[in-house]
Amino acid sequence: MITVSSLLDKEWHERYKRIANLNIRSSIYDLTNRCNLRCKGCFFFSSGEHKVAKEEMDIRKWEDFIDKEKARGVNLAILIGGEPTLCMDRLEAFYKRLPTYCATNGLIKVDRAKFPDMMTGISLWGGGEDEKILRGKDTFAISSKNYAGDPYTYYLYTITPKQVGKIEPVIKRIQDVGLKVHLQLLSNDEGVDGFHWQPEELRDIRFEMDDMLDKFPRTVISCKYYHEVITTGKMMGRSFGWMECPSVTETIDNRKPQPKRLIRFIRWASDLQTVHRCCTSATRDCATCKDGAAHMSWIMVNKRAHIRTTKDLQNWIEVYEMFAKLYRLIPW
């Protein structure tokens, strides 16, 4: 019989034990419908999710809601927007009650006196020129000044097709300001001309990401198996899509047969009542989704499928470690 113990030596078994007991129960929360940017391709606005619910303004209702989420078993709150830093009182309400991660564009600096160890992920969409096309400005110039050297911050670098062959200078800039970086791919929800992925570009960017991990192992938080899965959309011979995605809101998940999924996962709108379909866009074609977190979770919930060979299980461990590091559940 193939078991975890039979596949791993002592070192890898210790790594496995470090993550096996984390028992992560995450959910995602729209803190606000507002943003101080309007990025082309942002799934929140392109799918109209900012219009489906009226934003709750009473901070006491937010506090009561968060207490109920904690009682529901949530132990990791992932805050998105719009832009969460526009609502510091709501951010603080989460932070005081639950382990909290804030996804931000970095234009507003989080006060570390109030949020000393809150994990913060800054969105970055390519190099300066791509950022100007897709986001209206070079956000790195501002966010890097706000967060340089911050030990609880990293860049979530969304690579575009125009960045193929050009990502090393971006990684170097991030390294130079003393921050980490995680890599994912643009899904181009608004069909911006010139930003659609072609098969040869996905092949090339996979090997480029592998190369960046080799060259900058202390800066890039990633692993090569993740690069393979996100660029090919395949895992263990299966293709990513609606019937495989683990990040569907539990209360409206009526798929049959039920796939492996995140336990208790819900993505809440800012009225604290409405729920969204999944961790990204309600209008996105799941077969073309390249969301990094969804693909990570897809791997993570399918542990049993990876208890096949030593390499398969080591791949699974590395992805789980990567996720845990991104939310600072284990040290970098």
C-alpha atoms as a PDB file:
ATOM      1  CA  MET A   1       0.000   0.000   0.000  1.00  0.00           C
ATOM      2  CA  ILE A   2       1.337   3.449  -0.965  1.00  0.00           C
ATOM      3  CA  THR A   3       1.360   5.859   1.983  1.00  0.00           C
ATOM      4  CA  VAL A   4       2.859   9.262   2.775  1.00  0.00           C
ATOM      5  CA  SER A   5       5.483   7.621   4.979  1.00  0.00           C
ATOM      6  CA  SER A   6       6.493   5.127   2.298  1.00  0.00           C
ATOM      7  CA  LEU A   7       7.086   7.888  -0.265  1.00  0.00           C
ATOM      8  CA  LEU A   8       9.034  10.429   1.820  1.00  0.00           C
ATOM      9  CA  ASP A   9      12.426  10.429   3.492  1.00  0.00           C
ATOM     10  CA  LYS A  10      12.883  12.030   6.908  1.00  0.00           C
ATOM     11  CA  GLU A  11      13.456  15.574   5.630  1.00  0.00           C
ATOM     12  CA  TRP A  12      10.431  15.606   3.339  1.00  0.00           C
ATOM     13  CA  HIS A  13       8.274  13.951   5.990  1.00  0.00           C
ATOM     14  CA  GLU A  14       9.107  16.771   8.399  1.00  0.00           C
ATOM     15  CA  ARG A  15       8.123  19.297   5.742  1.00  0.00           C
ATOM     16  CA  TYR A  16       4.878  17.397   5.218  1.00  0.00           C
ATOM     17  CA  LYS A  17       4.062  17.385   8.934  1.00  0.00           C
ATOM     18  CA  ARG A  18       4.685  21.131   9.159  1.00  0.00           C
ATOM     19  CA  ILE A  19       1.840  21.855   6.736  1.00  0.00           C
ATOM     20  CA  ALA A  20      -0.438  18.867   7.301  1.00  0.00           C
ATOM     21  CA  ASN A  21      -1.876  20.254  10.525  1.00  0.00           C
ATOM     22  CA  LEU A  22      -2.568  23.824   9.365  1.00  0.00           C
ATOM     23  CA  ASN A  23      -6.278  23.088   8.768  1.00  0.00           C
ATOM     24  CA  ILE A  24      -6.828  26.235   6.682  1.00  0.00           C
ATOM     25  CA  ARG A  25     -10.445  27.424   6.415  1.00  0.00           C
ATOM     26  CA  SER A  26     -10.435  30.583   4.308  1.00  0.00           C
ATOM     27  CA  SER A  27     -13.104  32.797   2.800  1.00  0.00           C
ATOM     28  CA  ILE A  28     -12.932  35.961   0.680  1.00  0.00           C
ATOM     29  CA  TYR A  29     -14.605  39.259   1.506  1.00  0.00           C
ATOM     30  CA  ASP A  30     -15.344  42.319  -0.658  1.00  0.00           C
ATOM     31  CA  LEU A  31     -14.535  45.073   1.793  1.00  0.00           C
ATOM     32  CA  THR A  32     -15.906  47.770  -0.522  1.00  0.00           C
ATOM     33  CA  ASN A  33     -17.272  48.316  -4.029  1.00  0.00           C
ATOM     34  CA  ARG A  34     -14.993  51.303  -4.536  1.00  0.00           C
ATOM     35  CA  CYS A  35     -11.446  51.563  -5.874  1.00  0.00           C
ATOM     36  CA  ASN A  36      -8.884  54.289  -6.503  1.00  0.00           C
ATOM     37  CA  LEU A  37      -7.922  52.627  -9.806  1.00  0.00           C
ATOM     38  CA  ARG A  38      -9.907  51.234 -12.726  1.00  0.00           C
ATOM     39  CA  CYS A  39      -7.763  48.495 -14.235  1.00  0.00           C
ATOM     40  CA  LYS A  40      -8.621  46.972 -17.610  1.00  0.00           C
ATOM     41  CA  GLY A  41      -9.149  43.308 -16.916  1.00  0.00           C
ATOM     42  CA  CYS A  42     -10.039  43.598 -13.230  1.00  0.00           C
ATOM     43  CA  PHE A  43     -12.564  40.795 -12.740  1.00  0.00           C
ATOM     44  CA  PHE A  44     -14.426  42.694 -10.000  1.00  0.00           C
ATOM     45  CA  PHE A  45     -15.507  45.535 -12.256  1.00  0.00           C
ATOM     46  CA  SER A  46     -15.539  43.735 -15.615  1.00  0.00           C
ATOM     47  CA  SER A  47     -18.086  41.212 -14.304  1.00  0.00           C
ATOM     48  CA  GLY A  48     -20.255  43.853 -12.644  1.00  0.00           C
ATOM     49  CA  GLU A  49     -19.668  42.455  -9.164  1.00  0.00           C
ATOM     50  CA  HIS A  50     -19.417  46.006  -7.824  1.00  0.00           C
ATOM     51  CA  LYS A  51     -23.103  46.504  -8.682  1.00  0.00           C
ATOM     52  CA  VAL A  52     -24.688  43.341  -7.249  1.00  0.00           C
ATOM     53  CA  ALA A  53     -24.836  44.497  -3.627  1.00  0.00           C
ATOM     54  CA  LYS A  54     -25.172  47.754  -1.735  1.00  0.00           C
ATOM     55  CA  GLU A  55     -22.157  48.358   0.463  1.00  0.00           C
ATOM     56  CA  GLU A  56     -22.808  47.982   4.204  1.00  0.00           C
ATOM     57  CA  MET A  57     -21.646  51.162   5.940  1.00  0.00           C
ATOM     58  CA  ASP A  58     -22.383  50.325   9.599  1.00  0.00           C
ATOM     59  CA  ILE A  59     -19.140  49.144  11.208  1.00  0.00           C
ATOM     60  CA  ARG A  60     -21.063  47.407  14.011  1.00  0.00           C
ATOM     61  CA  LYS A  61     -22.743  45.149  11.458  1.00  0.00           C
ATOM     62  CA  TRP A  62     -19.326  44.323  10.036  1.00  0.00           C
ATOM     63  CA  GLU A  63     -18.075  43.405  13.511  1.00  0.00           C
ATOM     64  CA  ASP A  64     -21.098  41.168  14.173  1.00  0.00           C
ATOM     65  CA  PHE A  65     -20.675  39.538  10.765  1.00  0.00           C
ATOM     66  CA  ILE A  66     -16.979  38.811  11.353  1.00  0.00           C
ATOM     67  CA  ASP A  67     -17.778  37.228  14.721  1.00  0.00           C
ATOM     68  CA  LYS A  68     -20.271  34.937  12.965  1.00  0.00           C
ATOM     69  CA  GLU A  69     -17.679  34.031  10.327  1.00  0.00           C
ATOM     70  CA  LYS A  70     -15.221  33.104  13.044  1.00  0.00           C
ATOM     71  CA  ALA A  71     -17.897  30.952  14.681  1.00  0.00           C
ATOM     72  CA  ARG A  72     -18.527  29.348  11.257  1.00  0.00           C
ATOM     73  CA  GLY A  73     -14.959  28.074  11.363  1.00  0.00           C
ATOM     74  CA  VAL A  74     -13.142  30.590   9.176  1.00  0.00           C
ATOM     75  CA  ASN A  75      -9.523  30.989  10.292  1.00  0.00           C
ATOM     76  CA  LEU A  76      -8.163  33.047   7.379  1.00  0.00           C
ATOM     77  CA  ALA A  77      -9.916  36.154   6.051  1.00  0.00           C
ATOM     78  CA  ILE A  78      -8.818  37.243   2.569  1.00  0.00           C
ATOM     79  CA  LEU A  79      -9.850  40.855   1.996  1.00  0.00           C
ATOM     80  CA  ILE A  80     -10.265  42.195  -1.518  1.00  0.00           C
ATOM     81  CA  GLY A  81     -12.272  45.065  -2.969  1.00  0.00           C
ATOM     82  CA  GLY A  82     -12.517  47.231  -4.759  1.00  0.00           C
ATOM     83  CA  GLU A  83      -9.619  48.574  -2.722  1.00  0.00           C
ATOM     84  CA  PRO A  84      -9.655  47.441   0.949  1.00  0.00           C
ATOM     85  CA  THR A  85      -7.419  50.249   2.229  1.00  0.00           C
ATOM     86  CA  LEU A  86     -10.202  52.734   1.458  1.00  0.00           C
ATOM     87  CA  CYS A  87     -12.010  51.246   4.492  1.00  0.00           C
ATOM     88  CA  MET A  88      -9.486  51.059   7.290  1.00  0.00           C
ATOM     89  CA  ASP A  89     -12.144  50.643   9.980  1.00  0.00           C
ATOM     90  CA  ARG A  90     -13.449  47.464   8.306  1.00  0.00           C
ATOM     91  CA  LEU A  91      -9.907  46.255   7.787  1.00  0.00           C
ATOM     92  CA  GLU A  92      -9.232  46.768  11.484  1.00  0.00           C
ATOM     93  CA  ALA A  93     -12.431  44.948  12.466  1.00  0.00           C
ATOM     94  CA  PHE A  94     -11.217  41.840  10.623  1.00  0.00           C
ATOM     95  CA  TYR A  95      -7.651  42.134  11.862  1.00  0.00           C
ATOM     96  CA  LYS A  96      -8.736  42.260  15.516  1.00  0.00           C
ATOM     97  CA  ARG A  97     -10.786  39.070  15.135  1.00  0.00           C
ATOM     98  CA  LEU A  98      -9.187  36.788  12.529  1.00  0.00           C
ATOM     99  CA  PRO A  99      -5.865  36.109  10.821  1.00  0.00           C
ATOM    100  CA  THR A 100      -6.173  38.577   7.949  1.00  0.00           C
ATOM    101  CA  TYR A 101      -4.687  39.033   4.486  1.00  0.00           C
ATOM    102  CA  CYS A 102      -5.180  42.289   2.584  1.00  0.00           C
ATOM    103  CA  ALA A 103      -4.966  42.378  -1.223  1.00  0.00           C
ATOM    104  CA  THR A 104      -4.185  45.969  -2.218  1.00  0.00           C
ATOM    105  CA  ASN A 105      -2.868  48.028  -5.109  1.00  0.00           C
ATOM    106  CA  GLY A 106      -0.412  49.607  -2.676  1.00  0.00           C
ATOM    107  CA  LEU A 107      -1.323  53.225  -3.361  1.00  0.00           C
ATOM    108  CA  ILE A 108      -2.387  53.729   0.275  1.00  0.00           C
ATOM    109  CA  LYS A 109       0.057  52.667   2.961  1.00  0.00           C
ATOM    110  CA  VAL A 110      -1.201  50.372   5.713  1.00  0.00           C
ATOM    111  CA  ASP A 111      -0.325  51.783   9.132  1.00  0.00           C
ATOM    112  CA  ARG A 112       1.949  49.180  10.689  1.00  0.00           C
ATOM    113  CA  ALA A 113       1.312  50.645  14.121  1.00  0.00           C
ATOM    114  CA  LYS A 114      -2.274  49.394  13.766  1.00  0.00           C
ATOM    115  CA  PHE A 115      -1.574  46.322  11.622  1.00  0.00           C
ATOM    116  CA  PRO A 116       1.927  45.222  12.646  1.00  0.00           C
ATOM    117  CA  ASP A 117       1.852  41.676  11.233  1.00  0.00           C
ATOM    118  CA  MET A 118      -1.026  41.681   8.735  1.00  0.00           C
ATOM    119  CA  MET A 119       0.003  40.020   5.486  1.00  0.00           C
ATOM    120  CA  THR A 120      -0.321  42.408   2.568  1.00  0.00           C
ATOM    121  CA  GLY A 121      -0.205  41.445  -1.102  1.00  0.00           C
ATOM    122  CA  ILE A 122       0.350  44.242  -3.617  1.00  0.00           C
ATOM    123  CA  SER A 123      -1.001  43.761  -7.124  1.00  0.00           C
ATOM    124  CA  LEU A 124       1.436  44.431  -9.953  1.00  0.00           C
ATOM    125  CA  TRP A 125       0.460  44.034 -13.609  1.00  0.00           C
ATOM    126  CA  GLY A 126       3.686  43.762 -15.547  1.00  0.00           C
ATOM    127  CA  GLY A 127       6.327  46.407 -16.084  1.00  0.00           C
ATOM    128  CA  GLY A 128       5.798  50.152 -16.144  1.00  0.00           C
ATOM    129  CA  GLU A 129       4.400  50.389 -19.682  1.00  0.00           C
ATOM    130  CA  ASP A 130       1.947  47.513 -19.222  1.00  0.00           C
ATOM    131  CA  GLU A 131       0.810  49.084 -15.968  1.00  0.00           C
ATOM    132  CA  LYS A 132       0.122  52.374 -17.717  1.00  0.00           C
ATOM    133  CA  ILE A 133      -1.925  50.632 -20.423  1.00  0.00           C
ATOM    134  CA  LEU A 134      -3.895  48.380 -18.090  1.00  0.00           C
ATOM    135  CA  ARG A 135      -4.066  50.444 -14.907  1.00  0.00           C
ATOM    136  CA  GLY A 136      -3.526  54.055 -15.969  1.00  0.00           C
ATOM    137  CA  LYS A 137      -0.301  54.545 -14.040  1.00  0.00           C
ATOM    138  CA  ASP A 138       2.945  52.915 -12.948  1.00  0.00           C
ATOM    139  CA  THR A 139       1.748  51.770  -9.526  1.00  0.00           C
ATOM    140  CA  PHE A 140       5.111  50.257  -8.580  1.00  0.00           C
ATOM    141  CA  ALA A 141       6.646  53.719  -8.280  1.00  0.00           C
ATOM    142  CA  ILE A 142       4.183  54.514  -5.484  1.00  0.00           C
ATOM    143  CA  SER A 143       3.696  51.139  -3.795  1.00  0.00           C
ATOM    144  CA  SER A 144       7.426  50.412  -3.603  1.00  0.00           C
ATOM    145  CA  LYS A 145       7.972  53.635  -1.626  1.00  0.00           C
ATOM    146  CA  ASN A 146       5.081  52.801   0.694  1.00  0.00           C
ATOM    147  CA  TYR A 147       6.205  49.250   1.463  1.00  0.00           C
ATOM    148  CA  ALA A 148       9.962  48.969   0.805  1.00  0.00           C
ATOM    149  CA  GLY A 149      11.531  46.434   3.165  1.00  0.00           C
ATOM    150  CA  ASP A 150       8.227  45.512   4.824  1.00  0.00           C
ATOM    151  CA  PRO A 151       8.585  41.930   6.152  1.00  0.00           C
ATOM    152  CA  TYR A 152       4.829  41.268   5.870  1.00  0.00           C
ATOM    153  CA  THR A 153       4.382  42.411   2.273  1.00  0.00           C
ATOM    154  CA  TYR A 154       4.979  40.863  -1.128  1.00  0.00           C
ATOM    155  CA  TYR A 155       4.088  41.669  -4.725  1.00  0.00           C
ATOM    156  CA  LEU A 156       1.507  39.598  -6.549  1.00  0.00           C
ATOM    157  CA  TYR A 157       2.976  39.977 -10.023  1.00  0.00           C
ATOM    158  CA  THR A 158       0.344  39.255 -12.681  1.00  0.00           C
ATOM    159  CA  ILE A 159       2.358  38.529 -15.809  1.00  0.00           C
ATOM    160  CA  THR A 160       0.904  39.553 -19.170  1.00  0.00           C
ATOM    161  CA  PRO A 161       1.728  38.122 -22.624  1.00  0.00           C
ATOM    162  CA  LYS A 162       3.649  41.300 -23.383  1.00  0.00           C
ATOM    163  CA  GLN A 163       5.981  40.500 -20.486  1.00  0.00           C
ATOM    164  CA  VAL A 164       7.311  37.241 -21.957  1.00  0.00           C
ATOM    165  CA  GLY A 165      11.098  37.506 -22.012  1.00  0.00           C
ATOM    166  CA  LYS A 166      11.008  40.659 -19.880  1.00  0.00           C
ATOM    167  CA  ILE A 167      10.161  39.670 -16.328  1.00  0.00           C
ATOM    168  CA  GLU A 168      13.675  39.558 -14.888  1.00  0.00           C
ATOM    169  CA  PRO A 169      14.023  43.372 -14.627  1.00  0.00           C
ATOM    170  CA  VAL A 170      10.735  43.480 -12.719  1.00  0.00           C
ATOM    171  CA  ILE A 171      11.941  40.790 -10.296  1.00  0.00           C
ATOM    172  CA  LYS A 172      15.188  42.713  -9.798  1.00  0.00           C
ATOM    173  CA  ARG A 173      13.306  45.921  -8.985  1.00  0.00           C
ATOM    174  CA  ILE A 174      11.269  44.068  -6.384  1.00  0.00           C
ATOM    175  CA  GLN A 175      14.415  42.504  -4.923  1.00  0.00           C
ATOM    176  CA  ASP A 176      16.074  45.909  -4.776  1.00  0.00           C
ATOM    177  CA  VAL A 177      13.292  47.348  -2.598  1.00  0.00           C
ATOM    178  CA  GLY A 178      13.580  44.409  -0.203  1.00  0.00           C
ATOM    179  CA  LEU A 179      10.299  42.642  -0.959  1.00  0.00           C
ATOM    180  CA  LYS A 180       9.202  39.181  -2.084  1.00  0.00           C
ATOM    181  CA  VAL A 181       7.175  38.348  -5.185  1.00  0.00           C
ATOM    182  CA  HIS A 182       4.670  35.698  -6.224  1.00  0.00           C
ATOM    183  CA  LEU A 183       3.850  35.029  -9.883  1.00  0.00           C
ATOM    184  CA  GLN A 184       0.535  34.524 -11.636  1.00  0.00           C
ATOM    185  CA  LEU A 185      -0.938  35.134 -15.097  1.00  0.00           C
ATOM    186  CA  LEU A 186      -3.355  37.706 -16.497  1.00  0.00           C
ATOM    187  CA  SER A 187      -6.744  36.256 -17.447  1.00  0.00           C
ATOM    188  CA  ASN A 188      -7.652  39.351 -19.567  1.00  0.00           C
ATOM    189  CA  ASP A 189     -11.318  39.406 -18.584  1.00  0.00           C
ATOM    190  CA  GLU A 190     -12.010  42.495 -20.675  1.00  0.00           C
ATOM    191  CA  GLY A 191     -10.316  41.220 -23.817  1.00  0.00           C
ATOM    192  CA  VAL A 192      -7.743  44.007 -24.080  1.00  0.00           C
ATOM    193  CA  ASP A 193      -6.117  43.793 -27.505  1.00  0.00           C
ATOM    194  CA  GLY A 194      -2.653  42.240 -27.434  1.00  0.00           C
ATOM    195  CA  PHE A 195      -3.066  40.676 -23.979  1.00  0.00           C
ATOM    196  CA  HIS A 196      -4.494  37.267 -24.936  1.00  0.00           C
ATOM    197  CA  TRP A 197      -2.247  34.268 -24.226  1.00  0.00           C
ATOM    198  CA  GLN A 198      -1.053  32.085 -27.089  1.00  0.00           C
ATOM    199  CA  PRO A 199       0.132  28.491 -26.490  1.00  0.00           C
ATOM    200  CA  GLU A 200       3.743  29.261 -27.346  1.00  0.00           C
ATOM    201  CA  GLU A 201       3.721  32.243 -24.960  1.00  0.00           C
ATOM    202  CA  LEU A 202       2.443  30.084 -22.120  1.00  0.00           C
ATOM    203  CA  ARG A 203       5.184  27.543 -22.836  1.00  0.00           C
ATOM    204  CA  ASP A 204       7.862  30.238 -22.857  1.00  0.00           C
ATOM    205  CA  ILE A 205       6.634  31.991 -19.718  1.00  0.00           C
ATOM    206  CA  ARG A 206       6.610  28.710 -17.810  1.00  0.00           C
ATOM    207  CA  PHE A 207      10.312  28.223 -18.384  1.00  0.00           C
ATOM    208  CA  GLU A 208      10.984  31.887 -17.714  1.00  0.00           C
ATOM    209  CA  MET A 209       9.235  31.628 -14.343  1.00  0.00           C
ATOM    210  CA  ASP A 210      11.277  28.512 -13.575  1.00  0.00           C
ATOM    211  CA  ASP A 211      14.425  30.465 -14.413  1.00  0.00           C
ATOM    212  CA  MET A 212      13.434  33.354 -12.117  1.00  0.00           C
ATOM    213  CA  LEU A 213      12.899  30.907  -9.260  1.00  0.00           C
ATOM    214  CA  ASP A 214      16.377  29.493  -9.829  1.00  0.00           C
ATOM    215  CA  LYS A 215      17.988  32.941 -10.071  1.00  0.00           C
ATOM    216  CA  PHE A 216      16.106  34.634  -7.227  1.00  0.00           C
ATOM    217  CA  PRO A 217      15.223  31.882  -4.714  1.00  0.00           C
ATOM    218  CA  ARG A 218      15.133  34.317  -1.780  1.00  0.00           C
ATOM    219  CA  THR A 219      12.829  36.731  -3.598  1.00  0.00           C
ATOM    220  CA  VAL A 220      10.436  34.578  -5.644  1.00  0.00           C
ATOM    221  CA  ILE A 221       7.856  32.631  -3.609  1.00  0.00           C
ATOM    222  CA  SER A 222       6.856  29.894  -6.005  1.00  0.00           C
ATOM    223  CA  CYS A 223       7.564  26.372  -7.225  1.00  0.00           C
ATOM    224  CA  LYS A 224       7.953  24.737 -10.624  1.00  0.00           C
ATOM    225  CA  TYR A 225       4.993  22.391 -10.322  1.00  0.00           C
ATOM    226  CA  TYR A 226       2.742  25.424  -9.800  1.00  0.00           C
ATOM    227  CA  HIS A 227       4.255  26.992 -12.931  1.00  0.00           C
ATOM    228  CA  GLU A 228       3.466  23.838 -14.884  1.00  0.00           C
ATOM    229  CA  VAL A 229      -0.147  23.652 -13.724  1.00  0.00           C
ATOM    230  CA  ILE A 230      -0.972  27.327 -14.179  1.00  0.00           C
ATOM    231  CA  THR A 231       0.484  27.528 -17.688  1.00  0.00           C
ATOM    232  CA  THR A 232      -0.935  24.239 -18.971  1.00  0.00           C
ATOM    233  CA  GLY A 233      -4.222  24.234 -17.059  1.00  0.00           C
ATOM    234  CA  LYS A 234      -3.638  20.541 -16.376  1.00  0.00           C
ATOM    235  CA  MET A 235      -2.939  18.470 -13.275  1.00  0.00           C
ATOM    236  CA  MET A 236      -2.530  14.703 -13.117  1.00  0.00           C
ATOM    237  CA  GLY A 237      -4.033  14.422 -16.607  1.00  0.00           C
ATOM    238  CA  ARG A 238      -7.094  16.516 -15.683  1.00  0.00           C
ATOM    239  CA  SER A 239      -8.042  19.924 -17.121  1.00  0.00           C
ATOM    240  CA  PHE A 240      -8.973  22.913 -14.956  1.00  0.00           C
ATOM    241  CA  GLY A 241     -12.546  24.129 -15.322  1.00  0.00           C
ATOM    242  CA  TRP A 242     -15.923  24.473 -13.623  1.00  0.00           C
ATOM    243  CA  MET A 243     -16.153  20.815 -12.651  1.00  0.00           C
ATOM    244  CA  GLU A 244     -12.657  20.889 -11.117  1.00  0.00           C
ATOM    245  CA  CYS A 245     -12.452  24.311  -9.449  1.00  0.00           C
ATOM    246  CA  PRO A 246     -12.241  24.084  -5.636  1.00  0.00           C
ATOM    247  CA  SER A 247     -12.993  27.781  -5.001  1.00  0.00           C
ATOM    248  CA  VAL A 248     -16.758  27.838  -5.585  1.00  0.00           C
ATOM    249  CA  THR A 249     -18.944  29.355  -2.859  1.00  0.00           C
ATOM    250  CA  GLU A 250     -20.136  26.466  -0.709  1.00  0.00           C
ATOM    251  CA  THR A 251     -23.719  27.671  -0.252  1.00  0.00           C
ATOM    252  CA  ILE A 252     -24.459  27.726  -3.993  1.00  0.00           C
ATOM    253  CA  ASP A 253     -22.274  24.835  -5.126  1.00  0.00           C
ATOM    254  CA  ASN A 254     -24.690  22.355  -6.713  1.00  0.00           C
ATOM    255  CA  ARG A 255     -22.212  20.535  -8.944  1.00  0.00           C
ATOM    256  CA  LYS A 256     -22.729  16.813  -9.345  1.00  0.00           C
ATOM    257  CA  PRO A 257     -20.595  14.919  -8.787  1.00  0.00           C
ATOM    258  CA  GLN A 258     -19.089  17.203  -6.170  1.00  0.00           C
ATOM    259  CA  PRO A 259     -15.364  17.779  -6.829  1.00  0.00           C
ATOM    260  CA  LYS A 260     -12.730  18.155  -4.150  1.00  0.00           C
ATOM    261  CA  ARG A 261     -13.233  21.680  -2.826  1.00  0.00           C
ATOM    262  CA  LEU A 262     -12.251  24.186  -0.147  1.00  0.00           C
ATOM    263  CA  ILE A 263     -14.161  23.482   3.051  1.00  0.00           C
ATOM    264  CA  ARG A 264     -16.511  26.260   4.189  1.00  0.00           C
ATOM    265  CA  PHE A 265     -15.313  28.608   1.438  1.00  0.00           C
ATOM    266  CA  ILE A 266     -17.621  31.541   0.654  1.00  0.00           C
ATOM    267  CA  ARG A 267     -16.926  34.731  -1.233  1.00  0.00           C
ATOM    268  CA  TRP A 268     -19.014  37.472   0.324  1.00  0.00           C
ATOM    269  CA  ALA A 269     -20.155  40.742  -1.263  1.00  0.00           C
ATOM    270  CA  SER A 270     -19.894  44.005   0.655  1.00  0.00           C
ATOM    271  CA  ASP A 271     -23.526  43.927   1.857  1.00  0.00           C
ATOM    272  CA  LEU A 272     -22.591  40.942   4.067  1.00  0.00           C
ATOM    273  CA  GLN A 273     -25.487  38.938   2.608  1.00  0.00           C
ATOM    274  CA  THR A 274     -24.910  38.420  -1.108  1.00  0.00           C
ATOM    275  CA  VAL A 275     -22.411  35.783  -2.240  1.00  0.00           C
ATOM    276  CA  HIS A 276     -20.406  35.579  -5.461  1.00  0.00           C
ATOM    277  CA  ARG A 277     -20.022  32.409  -7.530  1.00  0.00           C
ATOM    278  CA  CYS A 278     -16.309  31.843  -6.943  1.00  0.00           C
ATOM    279  CA  CYS A 279     -13.009  33.404  -5.959  1.00  0.00           C
ATOM    280  CA  THR A 280     -12.837  35.432  -9.197  1.00  0.00           C
ATOM    281  CA  SER A 281     -15.354  36.523 -11.825  1.00  0.00           C
ATOM    282  CA  ALA A 282     -18.938  35.337 -12.154  1.00  0.00           C
ATOM    283  CA  THR A 283     -18.706  35.934 -15.908  1.00  0.00           C
ATOM    284  CA  ARG A 284     -15.315  34.378 -16.598  1.00  0.00           C
ATOM    285  CA  ASP A 285     -15.129  31.183 -18.658  1.00  0.00           C
ATOM    286  CA  CYS A 286     -13.654  28.718 -16.168  1.00  0.00           C
ATOM    287  CA  ALA A 287     -11.833  26.882 -18.951  1.00  0.00           C
ATOM    288  CA  THR A 288      -9.731  30.001 -19.578  1.00  0.00           C
ATOM    289  CA  CYS A 289      -9.235  31.023 -15.942  1.00  0.00           C
ATOM    290  CA  LYS A 290      -5.591  31.460 -14.970  1.00  0.00           C
ATOM    291  CA  ASP A 291      -6.135  32.607 -11.404  1.00  0.00           C
ATOM    292  CA  GLY A 292      -3.133  31.588  -9.346  1.00  0.00           C
ATOM    293  CA  ALA A 293      -4.954  31.020  -6.055  1.00  0.00           C
ATOM    294  CA  ALA A 294      -7.604  28.843  -7.716  1.00  0.00           C
ATOM    295  CA  HIS A 295      -4.954  26.647  -9.314  1.00  0.00           C
ATOM    296  CA  MET A 296      -2.990  26.423  -6.063  1.00  0.00           C
ATOM    297  CA  SER A 297      -6.127  25.380  -4.228  1.00  0.00           C
ATOM    298  CA  TRP A 298      -6.926  22.854  -6.974  1.00  0.00           C
ATOM    299  CA  ILE A 299      -3.638  21.146  -6.268  1.00  0.00           C
ATOM    300  CA  MET A 300      -3.936  21.419  -2.493  1.00  0.00           C
ATOM    301  CA  VAL A 301      -7.387  19.805  -2.168  1.00  0.00           C
ATOM    302  CA  ASN A 302      -6.255  16.890  -4.333  1.00  0.00           C
ATOM    303  CA  LYS A 303      -3.630  15.504  -1.973  1.00  0.00           C
ATOM    304  CA  ARG A 304      -4.792  11.917  -2.370  1.00  0.00           C
ATOM    305  CA  ALA A 305      -4.251  12.058  -6.129  1.00  0.00           C
ATOM    306  CA  HIS A 306      -0.627  13.026  -5.480  1.00  0.00           C
ATOM    307  CA  ILE A 307       0.072  10.102  -3.143  1.00  0.00           C
ATOM    308  CA  ARG A 308       1.275   8.147  -6.140  1.00  0.00           C
ATOM    309  CA  THR A 309       5.013   8.645  -6.501  1.00  0.00           C
ATOM    310  CA  THR A 310       7.615  10.414  -4.389  1.00  0.00           C
ATOM    311  CA  LYS A 311       7.896  13.238  -6.923  1.00  0.00           C
ATOM    312  CA  ASP A 312       4.133  13.732  -7.134  1.00  0.00           C
ATOM    313  CA  LEU A 313       3.842  14.044  -3.362  1.00  0.00           C
ATOM    314  CA  GLN A 314       6.855  16.351  -3.156  1.00  0.00           C
ATOM    315  CA  ASN A 315       5.200  18.551  -5.790  1.00  0.00           C
ATOM    316  CA  TRP A 316       2.060  18.716  -3.667  1.00  0.00           C
ATOM    317  CA  ILE A 317       4.075  19.609  -0.549  1.00  0.00           C
ATOM    318  CA  GLU A 318       5.890  22.420  -2.344  1.00  0.00           C
ATOM    319  CA  VAL A 319       2.624  23.985  -3.530  1.00  0.00           C
ATOM    320  CA  TYR A 320       1.096  23.748  -0.063  1.00  0.00           C
ATOM    321  CA  GLU A 321       4.243  25.312   1.424  1.00  0.00           C
ATOM    322  CA  MET A 322       4.027  28.108  -1.139  1.00  0.00           C
ATOM    323  CA  PHE A 323       0.417  28.864  -0.190  1.00  0.00           C
ATOM    324  CA  ALA A 324       1.264  28.783   3.517  1.00  0.00           C
ATOM    325  CA  LYS A 325       4.169  31.176   3.017  1.00  0.00           C
ATOM    326  CA  LEU A 326       2.047  33.630   1.039  1.00  0.00           C
ATOM    327  CA  TYR A 327      -0.316  33.941   3.997  1.00  0.00           C
ATOM    328  CA  ARG A 328       2.578  33.728   6.487  1.00  0.00           C
ATOM    329  CA  LEU A 329       1.236  30.558   8.058  1.00  0.00           C
ATOM    330  CA  ILE A 330       4.814  29.290   7.945  1.00  0.00           C
ATOM    331  CA  PRO A 331       7.960  31.447   7.731  1.00  0.00           C
ATOM    332  CA  TRP A 332       9.435  32.545   4.396  1.00  0.00           C
END
